[in-house]
Protein backbone atom coordinates (compact mmCIF):
# COMPACT_ATOMS: atom_id res chain seq x y z
CA UNK A 1 3.72 -21.74 -3.15
CA UNK A 2 2.32 -18.18 -2.23
CA UNK A 3 0.47 -16.27 -5.03
CA UNK A 4 1.13 -12.64 -5.01
CA UNK A 5 -1.44 -10.81 -6.96
CA UNK A 6 0.02 -7.29 -8.10
CA UNK A 7 3.56 -8.47 -6.95
CA UNK A 8 5.53 -6.47 -9.74
CA UNK A 9 4.07 -3.32 -8.57
CA UNK A 10 6.10 -1.04 -6.20
CA UNK A 11 4.82 -2.44 -2.95
CA UNK A 12 4.62 -5.79 -4.97
CA UNK A 13 8.33 -6.15 -5.53
CA UNK A 14 9.15 -5.23 -1.90
CA UNK A 15 6.63 -7.61 -0.48
CA UNK A 16 7.61 -10.39 -2.94
CA UNK A 17 11.50 -9.79 -2.04
CA UNK A 18 10.58 -10.09 1.67
CA UNK A 19 8.69 -13.54 1.19
CA UNK A 20 11.28 -15.10 -0.76
CA UNK A 21 14.18 -14.08 1.57
CA UNK A 22 12.23 -15.76 4.25
CA UNK A 23 12.21 -18.80 2.25
CA UNK A 24 8.96 -18.73 0.49
CA UNK A 25 8.55 -20.08 -2.96
CA UNK A 26 6.08 -16.87 -5.05
CA UNK A 27 4.28 -16.75 -8.26
CA UNK A 28 3.33 -13.23 -9.39
CA UNK A 29 0.16 -12.20 -11.14
CA UNK A 30 0.29 -8.86 -12.45
CA UNK A 31 -1.40 -6.96 -15.20
CA UNK A 32 1.58 -4.70 -15.84
CA UNK A 33 -0.42 -1.63 -16.20
CA UNK A 34 2.09 -0.18 -13.18
CA UNK A 35 4.16 -3.20 -12.85
CA UNK A 36 8.07 -3.68 -13.60
CA UNK A 37 8.81 -7.70 -13.51
CA UNK A 38 12.50 -6.88 -14.21
CA UNK A 39 12.38 -5.47 -10.86
CA UNK A 40 11.92 -9.20 -9.15
CA UNK A 41 14.11 -11.26 -8.17
CA UNK A 42 15.57 -14.00 -10.75
CA UNK A 43 13.45 -16.90 -11.20
CA UNK A 44 10.05 -15.81 -9.73
CA UNK A 45 7.48 -16.51 -12.16
CA UNK A 46 5.46 -13.76 -13.43
CA UNK A 47 1.66 -14.58 -14.79
CA UNK A 48 0.39 -11.85 -17.08
CA UNK A 49 -2.92 -11.26 -16.63
CA UNK A 50 -5.90 -9.37 -14.69
CA UNK A 51 -7.41 -10.49 -11.65
CA UNK A 52 -10.82 -9.70 -12.64
CA UNK A 53 -10.29 -12.99 -14.80
CA UNK A 54 -11.41 -15.77 -12.39
CA UNK A 55 -10.36 -18.57 -14.75
CA UNK A 56 -6.98 -17.28 -15.39
CA UNK A 57 -6.40 -17.07 -11.72
CA UNK A 58 -7.74 -20.50 -11.59
CA UNK A 59 -5.17 -21.70 -14.11
CA UNK A 60 -2.22 -20.05 -12.19
CA UNK A 61 -3.38 -21.47 -8.83
CA UNK A 62 -3.68 -25.39 -10.32
CA UNK A 63 -0.55 -25.01 -12.45
CA UNK A 64 1.69 -23.77 -9.64
CA UNK A 65 -0.17 -25.66 -6.62
CA UNK A 66 -0.97 -22.46 -4.96
CA UNK A 67 -1.47 -22.61 -0.97
CA UNK A 68 -2.01 -19.10 -0.21
CA UNK A 69 -2.50 -15.70 -1.63
CA UNK A 70 -1.43 -12.35 -0.84
CA UNK A 71 -3.65 -9.88 -2.94
CA UNK A 72 -2.15 -6.64 -3.44
CA UNK A 73 -3.45 -5.95 -6.90
CA UNK A 74 -5.91 -2.97 -7.43
CA UNK A 75 -6.38 0.82 -7.81
CA UNK A 76 -5.18 2.83 -4.65
CA UNK A 77 -5.56 7.02 -5.58
CA UNK A 78 -8.25 8.91 -3.32
CA UNK A 79 -8.52 11.30 -5.98
CA UNK A 80 -8.60 9.44 -9.01
CA UNK A 81 -11.38 7.24 -7.31
CA UNK A 82 -13.54 10.56 -6.75
CA UNK A 83 -13.48 10.99 -10.75
CA UNK A 84 -13.53 7.25 -11.65
CA UNK A 85 -15.63 5.41 -9.01
CA UNK A 86 -17.12 3.05 -11.38
CA UNK A 87 -13.46 2.08 -12.36
CA UNK A 88 -12.52 1.61 -8.68
CA UNK A 89 -15.33 -0.49 -7.75
CA UNK A 90 -14.79 -2.72 -10.55
CA UNK A 91 -11.03 -3.23 -10.02
CA UNK A 92 -10.98 -3.10 -6.55
CA UNK A 93 -14.41 -4.98 -5.17
CA UNK A 94 -14.59 -7.39 -8.41
CA UNK A 95 -11.20 -7.87 -8.20
CA UNK A 96 -11.46 -9.25 -4.72
CA UNK A 97 -14.61 -11.11 -5.47
CA UNK A 98 -12.68 -12.87 -8.04
CA UNK A 99 -9.69 -14.03 -6.46
CA UNK A 100 -11.82 -15.37 -3.43
CA UNK A 101 -14.08 -17.26 -6.17
CA UNK A 102 -10.71 -18.85 -7.75
CA UNK A 103 -9.93 -19.54 -4.20
CA UNK A 104 -12.97 -21.19 -2.97
CA UNK A 105 -13.07 -23.50 -6.09
CA UNK A 106 -9.75 -24.78 -5.78
CA UNK A 107 -9.97 -24.93 -1.91
CA UNK A 108 -7.34 -22.28 -1.06
CA UNK A 109 -7.68 -21.32 2.48
CA UNK A 110 -5.56 -18.47 3.04
CA UNK A 111 -5.33 -14.62 2.11
CA UNK A 112 -3.58 -11.91 3.24
CA UNK A 113 -5.27 -8.62 1.98
CA UNK A 114 -3.98 -5.09 1.23
CA UNK A 115 -6.40 -2.97 2.80
CA UNK A 116 -6.24 0.75 3.53
CA UNK A 117 -6.32 3.46 6.27
CA UNK A 118 -8.43 5.18 4.24
CA UNK A 119 -11.63 2.90 5.44
CA UNK A 120 -11.51 5.22 8.66
CA UNK A 121 -12.01 8.67 7.10
CA UNK A 122 -11.80 11.48 9.55
CA UNK A 123 -10.76 10.33 12.70
CA UNK A 124 -9.95 13.58 14.89
CA UNK A 125 -6.67 14.07 16.91
CA UNK A 126 -6.59 10.32 18.28
CA UNK A 127 -4.38 7.84 16.87
CA UNK A 128 -6.23 4.97 15.16
CA UNK A 129 -7.05 1.57 16.37
CA UNK A 130 -8.28 -1.27 14.53
CA UNK A 131 -11.74 -1.11 16.26
CA UNK A 132 -12.18 2.79 15.25
CA UNK A 133 -15.16 3.29 13.23
CA UNK A 134 -14.89 2.97 9.57
CA UNK A 135 -16.22 5.95 7.59
CA UNK A 136 -14.38 6.24 4.62
CA UNK A 137 -14.66 9.49 2.58
CA UNK A 138 -13.78 8.33 -0.97
CA UNK A 139 -14.85 5.33 -2.93
CA UNK A 140 -11.00 4.29 -2.86
CA UNK A 141 -11.80 3.86 0.95
CA UNK A 142 -15.21 2.65 0.74
CA UNK A 143 -14.27 0.14 -2.17
CA UNK A 144 -11.20 -1.14 0.30
CA UNK A 145 -14.13 -1.43 3.10
CA UNK A 146 -16.37 -3.31 0.52
CA UNK A 147 -13.53 -5.80 -0.15
CA UNK A 148 -13.12 -6.51 3.77
CA UNK A 149 -16.72 -7.46 4.13
CA UNK A 150 -16.34 -9.41 1.23
CA UNK A 151 -13.75 -11.40 2.79
CA UNK A 152 -14.81 -11.36 6.17
CA UNK A 153 -18.27 -13.17 4.96
CA UNK A 154 -16.94 -15.50 2.16
CA UNK A 155 -13.94 -16.70 4.70
CA UNK A 156 -16.19 -17.33 7.41
CA UNK A 157 -18.74 -19.49 5.37
CA UNK A 158 -15.67 -21.28 3.35
CA UNK A 159 -13.41 -21.96 6.37
CA UNK A 160 -10.62 -19.50 5.24
CA UNK A 161 -7.75 -18.04 7.19
CA UNK A 162 -7.22 -14.64 6.54
CA UNK A 163 -5.89 -11.03 7.37
CA UNK A 164 -6.65 -7.51 6.37
CA UNK A 165 -3.61 -5.25 6.69
CA UNK A 166 -4.67 -1.61 6.86
CA UNK A 167 -1.81 0.32 5.34
CA UNK A 168 -1.28 3.95 6.19
CA UNK A 169 1.13 5.77 3.69
CA UNK A 170 3.76 3.80 2.47
CA UNK A 171 6.76 5.49 0.92
CA UNK A 172 10.86 4.91 0.90
CA UNK A 173 12.73 2.11 -1.29
CA UNK A 174 14.54 -1.00 -0.37
CA UNK A 175 16.74 -0.57 -3.32
CA UNK A 176 17.89 2.29 -5.37
CA UNK A 177 16.00 0.75 -8.41
CA UNK A 178 12.77 0.15 -6.45
CA UNK A 179 11.39 3.56 -5.61
CA UNK A 180 7.64 4.46 -6.29
CA UNK A 181 7.03 5.60 -9.68
CA UNK A 182 3.34 6.72 -9.00
CA UNK A 183 2.02 10.34 -9.79
CA UNK A 184 -0.52 10.06 -6.66
CA UNK A 185 1.80 9.42 -3.82
CA UNK A 186 3.09 12.53 -2.02
CA UNK A 187 6.43 11.32 -1.67
CA UNK A 188 7.16 10.57 -5.24
CA UNK A 189 5.34 13.47 -6.36
CA UNK A 190 7.40 15.83 -4.67
CA UNK A 191 10.66 14.47 -6.12
CA UNK A 192 9.19 14.21 -9.52
CA UNK A 193 8.15 18.12 -9.29
CA UNK A 194 11.98 18.86 -8.23
CA UNK A 195 13.28 17.03 -10.94
CA UNK A 196 11.30 18.96 -13.63
CA UNK A 197 12.36 22.11 -11.67
CA UNK A 198 8.80 23.01 -10.54
CA UNK A 199 7.32 23.81 -6.98
CA UNK A 200 5.74 20.93 -5.41
CA UNK A 201 1.87 21.51 -4.62
CA UNK A 202 0.53 21.15 -1.06
CA UNK A 203 -3.05 20.60 -1.43
CA UNK A 204 -4.47 23.01 1.31
CA UNK A 205 -3.06 24.88 4.45
CA UNK A 206 -6.14 25.37 6.48
CA UNK A 207 -6.76 22.01 8.23
CA UNK A 208 -7.51 21.80 11.73
CA UNK A 209 -3.65 20.91 12.10
CA UNK A 210 -0.64 22.61 13.86
CA UNK A 211 0.55 23.94 10.51
CA UNK A 212 -2.53 23.71 8.58
CA UNK A 213 -1.68 20.68 6.19
CA UNK A 214 -2.59 17.22 6.55
CA UNK A 215 -1.07 14.71 8.84
CA UNK A 216 -0.11 11.44 7.93
CA UNK A 217 1.38 8.07 9.05
CA UNK A 218 4.19 7.18 6.60
CA UNK A 219 5.38 3.73 6.89
CA UNK A 220 8.62 2.75 5.12
CA UNK A 221 7.83 0.04 2.34
CA UNK A 222 10.51 -2.20 3.64
CA UNK A 223 8.41 -2.21 7.04
CA UNK A 224 5.37 -2.94 5.35
CA UNK A 225 6.58 -5.87 3.44
CA UNK A 226 8.05 -7.36 6.63
CA UNK A 227 4.82 -7.08 7.91
CA UNK A 228 3.29 -9.21 5.19
CA UNK A 229 5.89 -12.02 5.92
CA UNK A 230 5.20 -11.91 9.51
CA UNK A 231 1.30 -12.32 9.04
CA UNK A 232 1.85 -14.83 6.54
CA UNK A 233 4.30 -16.79 8.84
CA UNK A 234 1.50 -16.36 11.63
CA UNK A 235 -1.11 -18.15 9.27
CA UNK A 236 1.42 -21.17 9.22
CA UNK A 237 0.93 -21.71 12.76
CA UNK A 238 -3.18 -21.18 13.69
CA UNK A 239 -5.92 -19.88 11.96
CA UNK A 240 -6.52 -16.36 11.56
CA UNK A 241 -9.08 -13.71 10.97
CA UNK A 242 -7.89 -10.53 11.91
CA UNK A 243 -7.33 -6.60 10.41
CA UNK A 244 -4.25 -5.05 11.51
CA UNK A 245 -3.08 -1.58 11.19
CA UNK A 246 0.57 -1.03 9.47
CA UNK A 247 1.89 2.27 10.50
CA UNK A 248 4.59 3.61 12.57
CA UNK A 249 2.44 5.44 15.07
CA UNK A 250 3.61 8.71 14.50
CA UNK A 251 2.46 11.70 12.35
CA UNK A 252 4.14 13.76 9.74
CA UNK A 253 2.39 16.82 8.09
CA UNK A 254 2.77 17.63 4.36
CA UNK A 255 5.10 20.56 5.35
CA UNK A 256 7.14 18.14 7.42
CA UNK A 257 7.51 16.15 4.39
CA UNK A 258 8.38 19.02 2.44
CA UNK A 259 11.06 20.06 4.66
CA UNK A 260 12.67 16.36 4.73
CA UNK A 261 12.82 16.42 1.10
CA UNK A 262 14.88 19.46 1.22
CA UNK A 263 17.12 17.73 3.40
CA UNK A 264 17.10 14.35 1.43
CA UNK A 265 17.71 15.94 -2.06
CA UNK A 266 19.88 18.91 -0.99
CA UNK A 267 18.01 21.57 -3.13
CA UNK A 268 16.45 24.45 -1.54
CA UNK A 269 13.09 24.35 -3.64
CA UNK A 270 9.82 26.36 -2.72
CA UNK A 271 6.60 24.60 -2.79
CA UNK A 272 2.93 26.04 -3.48
CA UNK A 273 -0.18 26.15 -1.71
CA UNK A 274 -3.37 24.71 -3.95
CA UNK A 275 -6.83 24.21 -3.19
CA UNK A 276 -7.71 21.11 -0.90
CA UNK A 277 -8.46 17.86 -2.58
CA UNK A 278 -11.82 16.02 -2.09
CA UNK A 279 -11.82 13.17 0.36
CA UNK A 280 -8.31 14.16 2.32
CA UNK A 281 -8.89 14.11 5.81
CA UNK A 282 -7.06 16.03 8.26
CA UNK A 283 -5.21 13.66 10.24
CA UNK A 284 -4.78 10.02 10.06
CA UNK A 285 -2.29 8.35 12.08
CA UNK A 286 -2.03 4.71 13.23
CA UNK A 287 -2.11 3.23 16.91
CA UNK A 288 -0.80 -0.02 15.88
CA UNK A 289 -0.35 -2.54 18.64
CA UNK A 290 -1.36 -5.64 16.72
CA UNK A 291 1.37 -8.58 15.60
CA UNK A 292 1.84 -6.68 12.15
CA UNK A 293 3.38 -3.89 14.32
CA UNK A 294 6.12 -5.83 15.28
CA UNK A 295 7.43 -5.54 11.86
CA UNK A 296 6.55 -1.92 11.38
CA UNK A 297 7.43 1.29 12.12
CA UNK A 298 11.49 1.39 12.59
CA UNK A 299 11.93 4.13 10.25
CA UNK A 300 11.21 7.72 10.67
CA UNK A 301 9.95 10.17 8.17
CA UNK A 302 13.16 11.57 7.68
CA UNK A 303 14.92 8.36 6.59
CA UNK A 304 11.76 7.32 4.58
CA UNK A 305 12.14 10.55 2.74
CA UNK A 306 15.76 9.96 2.30
CA UNK A 307 15.30 6.39 0.87
CA UNK A 308 12.94 7.25 -1.75
CA UNK A 309 15.34 10.19 -2.59
CA UNK A 310 18.02 7.64 -3.14
CA UNK A 311 15.60 5.75 -5.48
CA UNK A 312 15.76 5.50 -9.09
CA UNK A 313 13.51 8.59 -9.54
CA UNK A 314 14.94 10.84 -6.54
CA UNK A 315 16.92 13.65 -6.57
CA UNK A 316 20.60 13.76 -6.65
CA UNK A 317 21.96 15.72 -3.85
CA UNK A 318 23.22 19.13 -4.86
CA UNK A 319 21.60 19.31 -8.39
CA UNK A 320 20.77 22.78 -9.21
CA UNK A 321 17.50 23.79 -9.74
C-alpha cells in the first residue's frame, strides 16, 4: 500500500489515479483545505488529518500496512509565502519532518517527495539541470530546499530510498472535473479572470526576456503524474537517492500563455500589466534528461492550456465577455 499525502488536491488526484492505473493500492491523507475527495476513484480510502500530526500519520501507516509514501502535501504559492513565511516553514518543513518521523518509527523505507523548481531561483538564460546551484528567492523555494536537506540526511541515516521531484509549472487537466482550482497559478487565474469578465493580470513586462514577461516551463499534470509512477516503479527494483527535474524542457512566456488562452477559450480578451511580484525570477526552464523525464514533456503549452480550458473552471468556447 502507498500513502499519498495531499492526495485529494489538484496534483494529488492525478497522481493517485496514475498510481492506481498502474496497479498500486493507495490510501490518501489530506486535511481537505484544498482537497476534493469526491474526485478520487471509487474505493480509495481517505483519512482526513494533517501531516503535522505525527501520531495520526503513524496510525494511518499502521492501519493500512503502508510500504511507501508519496509526499505531496504542502503550501506552494511564492507570493503568499513572502507575506506568510512562518506559515510556509511550518507547513512545509515541519510537515516533512513529521512524515519522516512517522516513517522512521514504523520502518517505512521509500518516499517520493514533491519538491519544486523554485529551489533554483534566478538561473539566467540556460536551461536548468539537477546539479545547478540552488539559490531560492522566496520562502516557498527555501522551504522546499530545506525539505530536501531533511530528506537527504534522514534517508542517509535510516537507510531510506528516496527521490525529490522538482516540478516546474504544472497546468492542464486529465479530466474535465480535475482542473486546477487554485488562485495562485497562472493558467487557472487567467481563466477565472475571463469568467468574471475581467482582464487577467501580467505581473511585469520589463524582465530580461524577449517579450519582457517571465518565462516558465509548463508541464502537463498528467505527465507529472506519470513521472511519479515511473519513480515509484523504479524504487521497486533498486535503492534510490536522486533528484529529478520534471518539466518539458521548453519555455513559454506569460504572454505566450495569454495567447494560448485566447485560442483555447475562443474569447478575444485583453490583459493588463501590473507591477512585478517579489520572488519571481525572469526565466526557469528545465533541462530534464533524468529518468523521470521519460514520462514528462509530451504536451506543449497550447495543448496544456486548452486542457485547462476544458476543465470544470475553464471557459466555454465562444462565451461572450
